[in-house]
Amino acid sequence: MTALSLAVPAPVPGLAVVTPAPAARAVAADEAQARSFDMTEFVRTEYPRIVSAVRMIAGDRETAVDAVQDALVQLLTHGDRAWPRNVAAWVTVVASNRSRDVHRHEAVRRRVIDRLRPPTPEDPTDRVCGDLDVLAALESLPLRMRQVCVMHYLQDQSVREIAMVLGIGTGTVKTQLHRGRIALAGRLGAQVGMQPEG
């Protein structure tokens, strides 16, 4: 009688071991980031700053709140794109672009509604945007320059992070920051002593 032994199958000629492609690994990493994203913590820590930033870019708080909420819904429901490496910056850009479009179509209606609305208690995000001269100066800048300046100076985003989110070069970001400082200084009648960080 012969002893039975477990046989290990011989490798099949021409059959290679399949390893995940870089794109598949990137998708897996995006899925892992999306699963680990804590919306409650994000809203608690980042939401007020993002709303303030979008308001400074778009010029209207109500539209900014709606646009940020729409951007968050888009972030969580559209699974056909890569998960952003910097969620706060991504939401700021998407929301500011959306609020700009809404602002263009509803500027007159919003002004009438704001005049008729009774005053409300101060919102914590209003403290960031309290200087009407700064808001007016920011509104005079082109949208891209406004986005870059607000993201850098209000949200402390680095030049590299802003470039990545906006899809432009770091040199372009630095140029926009430089021109923005000059324009704001001229508008405010004072020297702006902020330097871009790498």
N, C-alpha and C. Protein backbone atom coordinates (compact mmCIF):
# COMPACT_ATOMS: atom_id res chain seq x y z
N MET A 1 0.85 -1.18 0.00
CA MET A 1 0.00 0.00 0.00
C MET A 1 0.89 1.23 0.00
N THR A 2 0.54 2.20 -0.84
CA THR A 2 1.36 3.41 -0.94
C THR A 2 0.75 4.51 -0.09
N ALA A 3 1.63 5.36 0.45
CA ALA A 3 1.15 6.49 1.26
C ALA A 3 0.62 7.58 0.35
N LEU A 4 -0.44 8.22 0.80
CA LEU A 4 -1.01 9.33 0.02
C LEU A 4 -0.32 10.62 0.44
N SER A 5 -0.03 11.44 -0.50
CA SER A 5 0.57 12.76 -0.18
C SER A 5 -0.17 13.82 -0.98
N LEU A 6 -0.21 15.03 -0.41
CA LEU A 6 -0.84 16.15 -1.10
C LEU A 6 0.09 16.61 -2.22
N ALA A 7 -0.47 16.69 -3.38
CA ALA A 7 0.33 17.11 -4.53
C ALA A 7 0.19 18.60 -4.75
N VAL A 8 1.29 19.26 -5.01
CA VAL A 8 1.28 20.68 -5.36
C VAL A 8 1.18 20.78 -6.86
N PRO A 9 0.17 21.47 -7.40
CA PRO A 9 0.04 21.53 -8.85
C PRO A 9 1.25 22.19 -9.48
N ALA A 10 1.67 21.65 -10.59
CA ALA A 10 2.81 22.21 -11.32
C ALA A 10 2.39 23.50 -12.00
N PRO A 11 3.31 24.47 -12.09
CA PRO A 11 2.96 25.73 -12.76
C PRO A 11 2.62 25.49 -14.22
N VAL A 12 1.61 26.22 -14.68
CA VAL A 12 1.19 26.09 -16.08
C VAL A 12 2.13 26.94 -16.93
N PRO A 13 2.74 26.32 -17.99
CA PRO A 13 3.66 27.10 -18.83
C PRO A 13 2.94 28.27 -19.48
N GLY A 14 3.62 29.44 -19.49
CA GLY A 14 3.08 30.64 -20.13
C GLY A 14 2.09 31.42 -19.29
N LEU A 15 1.78 30.94 -18.08
CA LEU A 15 0.84 31.64 -17.23
C LEU A 15 1.63 32.47 -16.21
N ALA A 16 1.48 33.80 -16.30
CA ALA A 16 2.23 34.69 -15.42
C ALA A 16 1.40 35.04 -14.20
N VAL A 17 2.09 35.35 -13.12
CA VAL A 17 1.40 35.80 -11.91
C VAL A 17 0.95 37.23 -12.15
N VAL A 18 -0.32 37.50 -11.85
CA VAL A 18 -0.88 38.83 -12.10
C VAL A 18 -0.71 39.68 -10.85
N THR A 19 -0.10 40.85 -11.04
CA THR A 19 0.03 41.80 -9.94
C THR A 19 -0.80 43.03 -10.28
N PRO A 20 -1.33 43.70 -9.28
CA PRO A 20 -2.16 44.88 -9.57
C PRO A 20 -1.37 45.94 -10.33
N ALA A 21 -2.02 46.53 -11.35
CA ALA A 21 -1.41 47.61 -12.13
C ALA A 21 -1.38 48.87 -11.28
N PRO A 22 -0.50 49.83 -11.64
CA PRO A 22 -0.46 51.08 -10.86
C PRO A 22 -1.81 51.77 -10.79
N ALA A 23 -2.58 51.74 -11.91
CA ALA A 23 -3.89 52.38 -11.91
C ALA A 23 -4.82 51.69 -10.91
N ALA A 24 -4.75 50.36 -10.87
CA ALA A 24 -5.60 49.62 -9.93
C ALA A 24 -5.20 49.93 -8.49
N ARG A 25 -3.87 50.04 -8.25
CA ARG A 25 -3.42 50.39 -6.90
C ARG A 25 -3.89 51.80 -6.53
N ALA A 26 -3.89 52.73 -7.52
CA ALA A 26 -4.34 54.10 -7.25
C ALA A 26 -5.83 54.11 -6.92
N VAL A 27 -6.63 53.31 -7.66
CA VAL A 27 -8.06 53.23 -7.37
C VAL A 27 -8.27 52.67 -5.98
N ALA A 28 -7.52 51.63 -5.63
CA ALA A 28 -7.64 51.04 -4.29
C ALA A 28 -7.28 52.06 -3.21
N ALA A 29 -6.23 52.85 -3.48
CA ALA A 29 -5.83 53.89 -2.51
C ALA A 29 -6.92 54.94 -2.38
N ASP A 30 -7.53 55.34 -3.53
CA ASP A 30 -8.62 56.31 -3.49
C ASP A 30 -9.80 55.77 -2.68
N GLU A 31 -10.12 54.49 -2.90
CA GLU A 31 -11.22 53.88 -2.16
C GLU A 31 -10.92 53.84 -0.67
N ALA A 32 -9.67 53.56 -0.33
CA ALA A 32 -9.28 53.53 1.09
C ALA A 32 -9.40 54.92 1.70
N GLN A 33 -8.97 55.96 0.96
CA GLN A 33 -9.10 57.33 1.46
C GLN A 33 -10.56 57.70 1.64
N ALA A 34 -11.39 57.33 0.66
CA ALA A 34 -12.82 57.65 0.74
C ALA A 34 -13.46 56.95 1.93
N ARG A 35 -13.08 55.68 2.18
CA ARG A 35 -13.65 54.96 3.31
C ARG A 35 -13.21 55.55 4.65
N SER A 36 -11.99 56.08 4.69
CA SER A 36 -11.47 56.61 5.95
C SER A 36 -11.87 58.07 6.17
N PHE A 37 -12.56 58.68 5.20
CA PHE A 37 -12.94 60.08 5.32
C PHE A 37 -14.02 60.24 6.39
N ASP A 38 -13.76 61.08 7.36
CA ASP A 38 -14.68 61.32 8.48
C ASP A 38 -15.42 62.63 8.22
N MET A 39 -16.64 62.53 7.72
CA MET A 39 -17.41 63.73 7.37
C MET A 39 -17.71 64.59 8.59
N THR A 40 -18.03 63.97 9.70
CA THR A 40 -18.35 64.73 10.92
C THR A 40 -17.15 65.57 11.34
N GLU A 41 -15.97 64.98 11.37
CA GLU A 41 -14.77 65.71 11.75
C GLU A 41 -14.45 66.79 10.73
N PHE A 42 -14.62 66.48 9.45
CA PHE A 42 -14.35 67.45 8.39
C PHE A 42 -15.26 68.66 8.53
N VAL A 43 -16.56 68.44 8.74
CA VAL A 43 -17.50 69.55 8.88
C VAL A 43 -17.18 70.35 10.14
N ARG A 44 -16.79 69.68 11.21
CA ARG A 44 -16.47 70.38 12.46
C ARG A 44 -15.23 71.26 12.32
N THR A 45 -14.20 70.76 11.61
CA THR A 45 -12.93 71.48 11.59
C THR A 45 -12.72 72.33 10.34
N GLU A 46 -13.19 71.87 9.18
CA GLU A 46 -12.89 72.55 7.92
C GLU A 46 -14.03 73.38 7.35
N TYR A 47 -15.26 72.96 7.62
CA TYR A 47 -16.42 73.58 6.97
C TYR A 47 -16.49 75.10 7.16
N PRO A 48 -16.37 75.64 8.40
CA PRO A 48 -16.46 77.10 8.54
C PRO A 48 -15.39 77.85 7.74
N ARG A 49 -14.17 77.30 7.71
CA ARG A 49 -13.09 77.97 6.96
C ARG A 49 -13.36 77.93 5.46
N ILE A 50 -13.90 76.80 4.98
CA ILE A 50 -14.19 76.68 3.55
C ILE A 50 -15.32 77.63 3.16
N VAL A 51 -16.37 77.71 3.97
CA VAL A 51 -17.47 78.63 3.68
C VAL A 51 -16.96 80.07 3.64
N SER A 52 -16.10 80.42 4.61
CA SER A 52 -15.54 81.77 4.63
C SER A 52 -14.69 82.04 3.38
N ALA A 53 -13.91 81.05 2.99
CA ALA A 53 -13.06 81.21 1.81
C ALA A 53 -13.91 81.38 0.56
N VAL A 54 -14.93 80.55 0.41
CA VAL A 54 -15.79 80.64 -0.78
C VAL A 54 -16.57 81.95 -0.76
N ARG A 55 -16.96 82.40 0.42
CA ARG A 55 -17.65 83.69 0.49
C ARG A 55 -16.72 84.82 0.05
N MET A 56 -15.47 84.77 0.47
CA MET A 56 -14.53 85.82 0.07
C MET A 56 -14.27 85.78 -1.44
N ILE A 57 -14.33 84.59 -2.03
CA ILE A 57 -14.14 84.47 -3.47
C ILE A 57 -15.40 84.90 -4.21
N ALA A 58 -16.55 84.46 -3.73
CA ALA A 58 -17.80 84.68 -4.45
C ALA A 58 -18.53 85.95 -4.03
N GLY A 59 -18.30 86.41 -2.79
CA GLY A 59 -18.91 87.65 -2.33
C GLY A 59 -20.27 87.51 -1.69
N ASP A 60 -20.77 86.30 -1.49
CA ASP A 60 -22.11 86.11 -0.94
C ASP A 60 -22.13 84.88 -0.05
N ARG A 61 -22.48 85.03 1.23
CA ARG A 61 -22.42 83.92 2.17
C ARG A 61 -23.44 82.84 1.89
N GLU A 62 -24.70 83.23 1.60
CA GLU A 62 -25.75 82.25 1.38
C GLU A 62 -25.41 81.33 0.21
N THR A 63 -24.94 81.94 -0.87
CA THR A 63 -24.55 81.14 -2.03
C THR A 63 -23.35 80.27 -1.69
N ALA A 64 -22.44 80.79 -0.87
CA ALA A 64 -21.25 80.03 -0.48
C ALA A 64 -21.65 78.78 0.31
N VAL A 65 -22.57 78.92 1.24
CA VAL A 65 -23.02 77.77 2.04
C VAL A 65 -23.62 76.70 1.13
N ASP A 66 -24.52 77.13 0.22
CA ASP A 66 -25.15 76.16 -0.70
C ASP A 66 -24.10 75.49 -1.58
N ALA A 67 -23.16 76.27 -2.08
CA ALA A 67 -22.15 75.73 -3.00
C ALA A 67 -21.24 74.73 -2.29
N VAL A 68 -20.87 75.01 -1.04
CA VAL A 68 -20.02 74.09 -0.28
C VAL A 68 -20.77 72.79 -0.01
N GLN A 69 -22.05 72.90 0.34
CA GLN A 69 -22.83 71.69 0.58
C GLN A 69 -22.98 70.87 -0.71
N ASP A 70 -23.21 71.54 -1.84
CA ASP A 70 -23.30 70.84 -3.12
C ASP A 70 -21.99 70.15 -3.46
N ALA A 71 -20.87 70.82 -3.18
CA ALA A 71 -19.56 70.23 -3.47
C ALA A 71 -19.32 68.99 -2.60
N LEU A 72 -19.75 69.04 -1.35
CA LEU A 72 -19.60 67.87 -0.46
C LEU A 72 -20.45 66.70 -0.95
N VAL A 73 -21.66 67.00 -1.42
CA VAL A 73 -22.51 65.93 -1.98
C VAL A 73 -21.83 65.33 -3.20
N GLN A 74 -21.28 66.19 -4.06
CA GLN A 74 -20.57 65.70 -5.25
C GLN A 74 -19.38 64.84 -4.87
N LEU A 75 -18.66 65.26 -3.85
CA LEU A 75 -17.50 64.50 -3.38
C LEU A 75 -17.89 63.09 -2.97
N LEU A 76 -19.02 62.98 -2.27
CA LEU A 76 -19.42 61.69 -1.69
C LEU A 76 -20.23 60.81 -2.64
N THR A 77 -20.80 61.38 -3.69
CA THR A 77 -21.68 60.59 -4.55
C THR A 77 -21.11 60.25 -5.91
N HIS A 78 -20.12 60.99 -6.39
CA HIS A 78 -19.57 60.72 -7.71
C HIS A 78 -18.35 59.83 -7.57
N GLY A 79 -18.54 58.54 -7.80
CA GLY A 79 -17.45 57.59 -7.63
C GLY A 79 -16.64 57.36 -8.90
N ASP A 80 -16.92 58.13 -9.96
CA ASP A 80 -16.24 57.91 -11.24
C ASP A 80 -14.99 58.75 -11.40
N ARG A 81 -14.54 59.40 -10.33
CA ARG A 81 -13.32 60.19 -10.40
C ARG A 81 -12.44 59.86 -9.19
N ALA A 82 -11.18 60.23 -9.32
CA ALA A 82 -10.23 59.94 -8.24
C ALA A 82 -10.58 60.77 -7.00
N TRP A 83 -10.34 60.19 -5.84
CA TRP A 83 -10.56 60.90 -4.57
C TRP A 83 -9.50 61.98 -4.45
N PRO A 84 -9.89 63.23 -4.15
CA PRO A 84 -8.91 64.32 -4.08
C PRO A 84 -7.90 64.13 -2.95
N ARG A 85 -6.65 64.47 -3.23
CA ARG A 85 -5.61 64.34 -2.20
C ARG A 85 -5.80 65.37 -1.11
N ASN A 86 -6.33 66.54 -1.47
CA ASN A 86 -6.58 67.59 -0.49
C ASN A 86 -8.07 67.94 -0.58
N VAL A 87 -8.86 67.36 0.29
CA VAL A 87 -10.31 67.49 0.21
C VAL A 87 -10.74 68.95 0.42
N ALA A 88 -10.14 69.64 1.39
CA ALA A 88 -10.54 71.02 1.67
C ALA A 88 -10.30 71.92 0.45
N ALA A 89 -9.16 71.77 -0.19
CA ALA A 89 -8.85 72.59 -1.36
C ALA A 89 -9.79 72.24 -2.51
N TRP A 90 -10.06 70.94 -2.70
CA TRP A 90 -10.94 70.50 -3.79
C TRP A 90 -12.35 71.08 -3.59
N VAL A 91 -12.86 70.98 -2.37
CA VAL A 91 -14.20 71.50 -2.09
C VAL A 91 -14.23 73.01 -2.29
N THR A 92 -13.17 73.71 -1.88
CA THR A 92 -13.12 75.16 -2.05
C THR A 92 -13.21 75.55 -3.52
N VAL A 93 -12.45 74.87 -4.37
CA VAL A 93 -12.45 75.21 -5.80
C VAL A 93 -13.80 74.90 -6.44
N VAL A 94 -14.32 73.68 -6.19
CA VAL A 94 -15.60 73.29 -6.79
C VAL A 94 -16.70 74.25 -6.32
N ALA A 95 -16.73 74.54 -5.03
CA ALA A 95 -17.77 75.41 -4.49
C ALA A 95 -17.63 76.85 -4.99
N SER A 96 -16.42 77.35 -5.08
CA SER A 96 -16.26 78.74 -5.55
C SER A 96 -16.64 78.88 -7.02
N ASN A 97 -16.33 77.88 -7.83
CA ASN A 97 -16.75 77.92 -9.22
C ASN A 97 -18.28 77.88 -9.33
N ARG A 98 -18.90 77.03 -8.55
CA ARG A 98 -20.36 76.93 -8.58
C ARG A 98 -21.01 78.20 -8.07
N SER A 99 -20.49 78.76 -6.99
CA SER A 99 -21.11 79.97 -6.43
C SER A 99 -20.93 81.16 -7.36
N ARG A 100 -19.84 81.19 -8.09
CA ARG A 100 -19.65 82.27 -9.07
C ARG A 100 -20.74 82.21 -10.13
N ASP A 101 -21.04 81.02 -10.61
CA ASP A 101 -22.07 80.87 -11.63
C ASP A 101 -23.45 81.28 -11.10
N VAL A 102 -23.75 80.85 -9.88
CA VAL A 102 -25.03 81.22 -9.28
C VAL A 102 -25.09 82.73 -9.07
N HIS A 103 -23.98 83.30 -8.61
CA HIS A 103 -23.93 84.74 -8.34
C HIS A 103 -24.20 85.54 -9.61
N ARG A 104 -23.66 85.09 -10.71
CA ARG A 104 -23.88 85.81 -11.98
C ARG A 104 -25.35 85.84 -12.36
N HIS A 105 -26.06 84.73 -12.12
CA HIS A 105 -27.45 84.63 -12.55
C HIS A 105 -28.45 85.24 -11.57
N GLU A 106 -28.05 85.35 -10.30
CA GLU A 106 -29.02 85.79 -9.28
C GLU A 106 -28.57 87.00 -8.47
N ALA A 107 -27.65 87.77 -8.98
CA ALA A 107 -27.10 88.89 -8.20
C ALA A 107 -28.18 89.90 -7.82
N VAL A 108 -29.00 90.29 -8.74
CA VAL A 108 -30.02 91.30 -8.47
C VAL A 108 -31.04 90.78 -7.46
N ARG A 109 -31.50 89.54 -7.65
CA ARG A 109 -32.49 88.96 -6.75
C ARG A 109 -31.96 88.85 -5.32
N ARG A 110 -30.68 88.45 -5.18
CA ARG A 110 -30.09 88.30 -3.84
C ARG A 110 -29.99 89.64 -3.13
N ARG A 111 -29.65 90.69 -3.87
CA ARG A 111 -29.52 92.01 -3.23
C ARG A 111 -30.86 92.47 -2.67
N VAL A 112 -31.94 92.24 -3.42
CA VAL A 112 -33.28 92.63 -2.96
C VAL A 112 -33.67 91.82 -1.72
N ILE A 113 -33.43 90.50 -1.75
CA ILE A 113 -33.78 89.64 -0.62
C ILE A 113 -32.97 90.03 0.62
N ASP A 114 -31.67 90.32 0.44
CA ASP A 114 -30.83 90.69 1.58
C ASP A 114 -31.30 91.99 2.23
N ARG A 115 -31.81 92.92 1.43
CA ARG A 115 -32.28 94.20 1.98
C ARG A 115 -33.56 94.00 2.79
N LEU A 116 -34.39 93.05 2.38
CA LEU A 116 -35.66 92.82 3.06
C LEU A 116 -35.53 91.90 4.26
N ARG A 117 -34.46 91.12 4.34
CA ARG A 117 -34.29 90.14 5.42
C ARG A 117 -33.91 90.85 6.73
N PRO A 118 -34.55 90.48 7.85
CA PRO A 118 -34.17 91.09 9.13
C PRO A 118 -32.77 90.66 9.53
N PRO A 119 -32.09 91.48 10.34
CA PRO A 119 -30.73 91.11 10.75
C PRO A 119 -30.73 89.81 11.56
N THR A 120 -29.70 89.02 11.37
CA THR A 120 -29.56 87.75 12.07
C THR A 120 -28.37 87.83 13.03
N PRO A 121 -28.34 86.95 14.05
CA PRO A 121 -27.18 86.92 14.95
C PRO A 121 -25.90 86.66 14.18
N GLU A 122 -24.80 87.16 14.69
CA GLU A 122 -23.52 87.00 14.01
C GLU A 122 -23.15 85.53 13.88
N ASP A 123 -22.75 85.16 12.69
CA ASP A 123 -22.27 83.81 12.42
C ASP A 123 -20.76 83.79 12.64
N PRO A 124 -20.20 82.70 13.21
CA PRO A 124 -18.74 82.68 13.42
C PRO A 124 -17.93 82.88 12.14
N THR A 125 -18.47 82.42 11.00
CA THR A 125 -17.72 82.59 9.76
C THR A 125 -17.70 84.04 9.31
N ASP A 126 -18.67 84.87 9.79
CA ASP A 126 -18.70 86.27 9.39
C ASP A 126 -17.51 87.05 9.93
N ARG A 127 -16.94 86.57 11.06
CA ARG A 127 -15.81 87.28 11.65
C ARG A 127 -14.61 87.30 10.72
N VAL A 128 -14.44 86.22 9.96
CA VAL A 128 -13.31 86.16 9.02
C VAL A 128 -13.49 87.16 7.91
N CYS A 129 -14.76 87.43 7.53
CA CYS A 129 -15.04 88.28 6.38
C CYS A 129 -15.53 89.66 6.83
N GLY A 130 -15.17 90.08 8.03
CA GLY A 130 -15.72 91.30 8.58
C GLY A 130 -15.23 92.58 7.96
N ASP A 131 -14.11 92.58 7.32
CA ASP A 131 -13.55 93.81 6.77
C ASP A 131 -14.12 94.05 5.38
N LEU A 132 -15.04 95.01 5.29
CA LEU A 132 -15.71 95.27 4.01
C LEU A 132 -14.74 95.78 2.96
N ASP A 133 -13.71 96.51 3.40
CA ASP A 133 -12.73 97.01 2.43
C ASP A 133 -11.96 95.85 1.79
N VAL A 134 -11.61 94.85 2.61
CA VAL A 134 -10.90 93.68 2.07
C VAL A 134 -11.80 92.91 1.13
N LEU A 135 -13.06 92.74 1.52
CA LEU A 135 -14.01 92.03 0.64
C LEU A 135 -14.16 92.76 -0.69
N ALA A 136 -14.28 94.08 -0.62
CA ALA A 136 -14.43 94.85 -1.86
C ALA A 136 -13.17 94.74 -2.72
N ALA A 137 -12.00 94.75 -2.07
CA ALA A 137 -10.76 94.61 -2.82
C ALA A 137 -10.66 93.24 -3.46
N LEU A 138 -11.05 92.19 -2.72
CA LEU A 138 -11.02 90.84 -3.29
C LEU A 138 -11.97 90.72 -4.47
N GLU A 139 -13.14 91.34 -4.36
CA GLU A 139 -14.12 91.25 -5.45
C GLU A 139 -13.60 91.89 -6.73
N SER A 140 -12.63 92.79 -6.60
CA SER A 140 -12.09 93.46 -7.79
C SER A 140 -11.10 92.57 -8.55
N LEU A 141 -10.67 91.47 -7.91
CA LEU A 141 -9.70 90.58 -8.56
C LEU A 141 -10.41 89.60 -9.49
N PRO A 142 -9.73 89.15 -10.54
CA PRO A 142 -10.28 88.07 -11.37
C PRO A 142 -10.48 86.82 -10.52
N LEU A 143 -11.40 85.96 -10.94
CA LEU A 143 -11.77 84.78 -10.14
C LEU A 143 -10.57 83.92 -9.78
N ARG A 144 -9.72 83.56 -10.74
CA ARG A 144 -8.60 82.67 -10.46
C ARG A 144 -7.65 83.29 -9.44
N MET A 145 -7.39 84.59 -9.59
CA MET A 145 -6.50 85.28 -8.64
C MET A 145 -7.14 85.31 -7.26
N ARG A 146 -8.44 85.52 -7.19
CA ARG A 146 -9.17 85.52 -5.93
C ARG A 146 -9.07 84.15 -5.27
N GLN A 147 -9.28 83.09 -6.05
CA GLN A 147 -9.19 81.73 -5.51
C GLN A 147 -7.81 81.49 -4.91
N VAL A 148 -6.78 81.83 -5.67
CA VAL A 148 -5.41 81.58 -5.23
C VAL A 148 -5.11 82.36 -3.95
N CYS A 149 -5.48 83.63 -3.91
CA CYS A 149 -5.18 84.45 -2.73
C CYS A 149 -5.92 83.96 -1.49
N VAL A 150 -7.20 83.64 -1.63
CA VAL A 150 -7.98 83.20 -0.48
C VAL A 150 -7.48 81.84 0.01
N MET A 151 -7.22 80.92 -0.94
CA MET A 151 -6.76 79.59 -0.53
C MET A 151 -5.40 79.67 0.17
N HIS A 152 -4.53 80.57 -0.29
CA HIS A 152 -3.19 80.67 0.32
C HIS A 152 -3.23 81.41 1.64
N TYR A 153 -3.84 82.60 1.66
CA TYR A 153 -3.76 83.45 2.85
C TYR A 153 -4.80 83.12 3.91
N LEU A 154 -5.99 82.65 3.51
CA LEU A 154 -7.01 82.32 4.50
C LEU A 154 -6.93 80.87 4.93
N GLN A 155 -6.73 79.97 3.96
CA GLN A 155 -6.75 78.54 4.27
C GLN A 155 -5.36 77.95 4.49
N ASP A 156 -4.33 78.75 4.34
CA ASP A 156 -2.95 78.29 4.55
C ASP A 156 -2.57 77.13 3.63
N GLN A 157 -3.14 77.11 2.42
CA GLN A 157 -2.76 76.10 1.44
C GLN A 157 -1.41 76.49 0.83
N SER A 158 -0.55 75.53 0.62
CA SER A 158 0.75 75.82 0.03
C SER A 158 0.60 76.08 -1.46
N VAL A 159 1.61 76.67 -2.05
CA VAL A 159 1.63 76.94 -3.49
C VAL A 159 1.45 75.63 -4.25
N ARG A 160 2.13 74.60 -3.81
CA ARG A 160 2.05 73.29 -4.50
C ARG A 160 0.65 72.71 -4.42
N GLU A 161 0.02 72.79 -3.25
CA GLU A 161 -1.34 72.26 -3.10
C GLU A 161 -2.33 73.01 -3.98
N ILE A 162 -2.21 74.33 -4.03
CA ILE A 162 -3.11 75.14 -4.85
C ILE A 162 -2.92 74.79 -6.32
N ALA A 163 -1.68 74.68 -6.75
CA ALA A 163 -1.39 74.34 -8.14
C ALA A 163 -2.00 73.01 -8.51
N MET A 164 -1.90 72.03 -7.62
CA MET A 164 -2.41 70.70 -7.91
C MET A 164 -3.93 70.71 -8.03
N VAL A 165 -4.59 71.40 -7.11
CA VAL A 165 -6.05 71.41 -7.12
C VAL A 165 -6.59 72.19 -8.32
N LEU A 166 -5.96 73.30 -8.66
CA LEU A 166 -6.44 74.12 -9.77
C LEU A 166 -5.94 73.63 -11.12
N GLY A 167 -4.99 72.69 -11.12
CA GLY A 167 -4.47 72.17 -12.37
C GLY A 167 -3.60 73.17 -13.12
N ILE A 168 -2.84 73.96 -12.36
CA ILE A 168 -1.94 74.94 -12.97
C ILE A 168 -0.55 74.75 -12.37
N GLY A 169 0.44 75.41 -12.96
CA GLY A 169 1.81 75.29 -12.47
C GLY A 169 2.04 76.12 -11.21
N THR A 170 3.06 75.72 -10.45
CA THR A 170 3.39 76.48 -9.23
C THR A 170 3.83 77.89 -9.57
N GLY A 171 4.50 78.05 -10.72
CA GLY A 171 4.91 79.39 -11.15
C GLY A 171 3.71 80.28 -11.39
N THR A 172 2.65 79.70 -11.96
CA THR A 172 1.42 80.47 -12.19
C THR A 172 0.79 80.89 -10.86
N VAL A 173 0.80 79.98 -9.89
CA VAL A 173 0.24 80.31 -8.58
C VAL A 173 1.03 81.47 -7.95
N LYS A 174 2.37 81.38 -8.00
CA LYS A 174 3.19 82.45 -7.42
C LYS A 174 2.95 83.78 -8.14
N THR A 175 2.79 83.72 -9.46
CA THR A 175 2.51 84.94 -10.22
C THR A 175 1.18 85.54 -9.81
N GLN A 176 0.15 84.67 -9.65
CA GLN A 176 -1.17 85.15 -9.24
C GLN A 176 -1.12 85.75 -7.84
N LEU A 177 -0.36 85.13 -6.94
CA LEU A 177 -0.22 85.68 -5.59
C LEU A 177 0.49 87.04 -5.62
N HIS A 178 1.54 87.14 -6.42
CA HIS A 178 2.28 88.39 -6.52
C HIS A 178 1.39 89.51 -7.08
N ARG A 179 0.70 89.20 -8.18
CA ARG A 179 -0.18 90.21 -8.78
C ARG A 179 -1.35 90.54 -7.86
N GLY A 180 -1.85 89.52 -7.15
CA GLY A 180 -2.94 89.76 -6.21
C GLY A 180 -2.53 90.69 -5.09
N ARG A 181 -1.30 90.49 -4.55
CA ARG A 181 -0.81 91.39 -3.49
C ARG A 181 -0.70 92.82 -3.98
N ILE A 182 -0.17 92.97 -5.19
CA ILE A 182 -0.03 94.33 -5.74
C ILE A 182 -1.40 94.97 -5.93
N ALA A 183 -2.35 94.20 -6.49
CA ALA A 183 -3.68 94.74 -6.73
C ALA A 183 -4.38 95.09 -5.42
N LEU A 184 -4.25 94.20 -4.41
CA LEU A 184 -4.89 94.47 -3.12
C LEU A 184 -4.24 95.66 -2.43
N ALA A 185 -2.92 95.76 -2.52
CA ALA A 185 -2.22 96.89 -1.89
C ALA A 185 -2.65 98.20 -2.53
N GLY A 186 -2.76 98.19 -3.85
CA GLY A 186 -3.20 99.40 -4.53
C GLY A 186 -4.63 99.75 -4.16
N ARG A 187 -5.46 98.73 -4.06
CA ARG A 187 -6.86 98.95 -3.74
C ARG A 187 -7.04 99.43 -2.30
N LEU A 188 -6.27 98.87 -1.39
CA LEU A 188 -6.41 99.21 0.02
C LEU A 188 -5.56 100.41 0.42
N GLY A 189 -4.65 100.81 -0.48
CA GLY A 189 -3.81 101.96 -0.19
C GLY A 189 -2.76 101.69 0.87
N ALA A 190 -2.32 100.40 0.96
CA ALA A 190 -1.31 100.04 1.95
C ALA A 190 -0.43 98.93 1.39
N GLN A 191 0.72 98.76 1.96
CA GLN A 191 1.59 97.65 1.56
C GLN A 191 1.09 96.35 2.15
N VAL A 192 1.04 95.30 1.35
CA VAL A 192 0.66 93.98 1.84
C VAL A 192 1.95 93.19 1.98
N GLY A 193 2.31 92.83 3.21
CA GLY A 193 3.61 92.18 3.44
C GLY A 193 3.55 90.69 3.54
N MET A 194 2.68 90.00 2.77
CA MET A 194 2.59 88.55 2.83
C MET A 194 3.42 87.93 1.74
N GLN A 195 4.16 86.91 2.06
CA GLN A 195 5.00 86.19 1.09
C GLN A 195 4.46 84.81 0.85
N PRO A 196 4.46 84.32 -0.42
CA PRO A 196 3.98 82.96 -0.67
C PRO A 196 4.91 81.94 -0.06
N GLU A 197 4.29 80.86 0.43
CA GLU A 197 5.07 79.77 0.98
C GLU A 197 5.12 78.63 -0.01
N GLY A 198 6.26 77.90 -0.05
CA GLY A 198 6.42 76.81 -1.01
C GLY A 198 5.62 75.60 -0.64
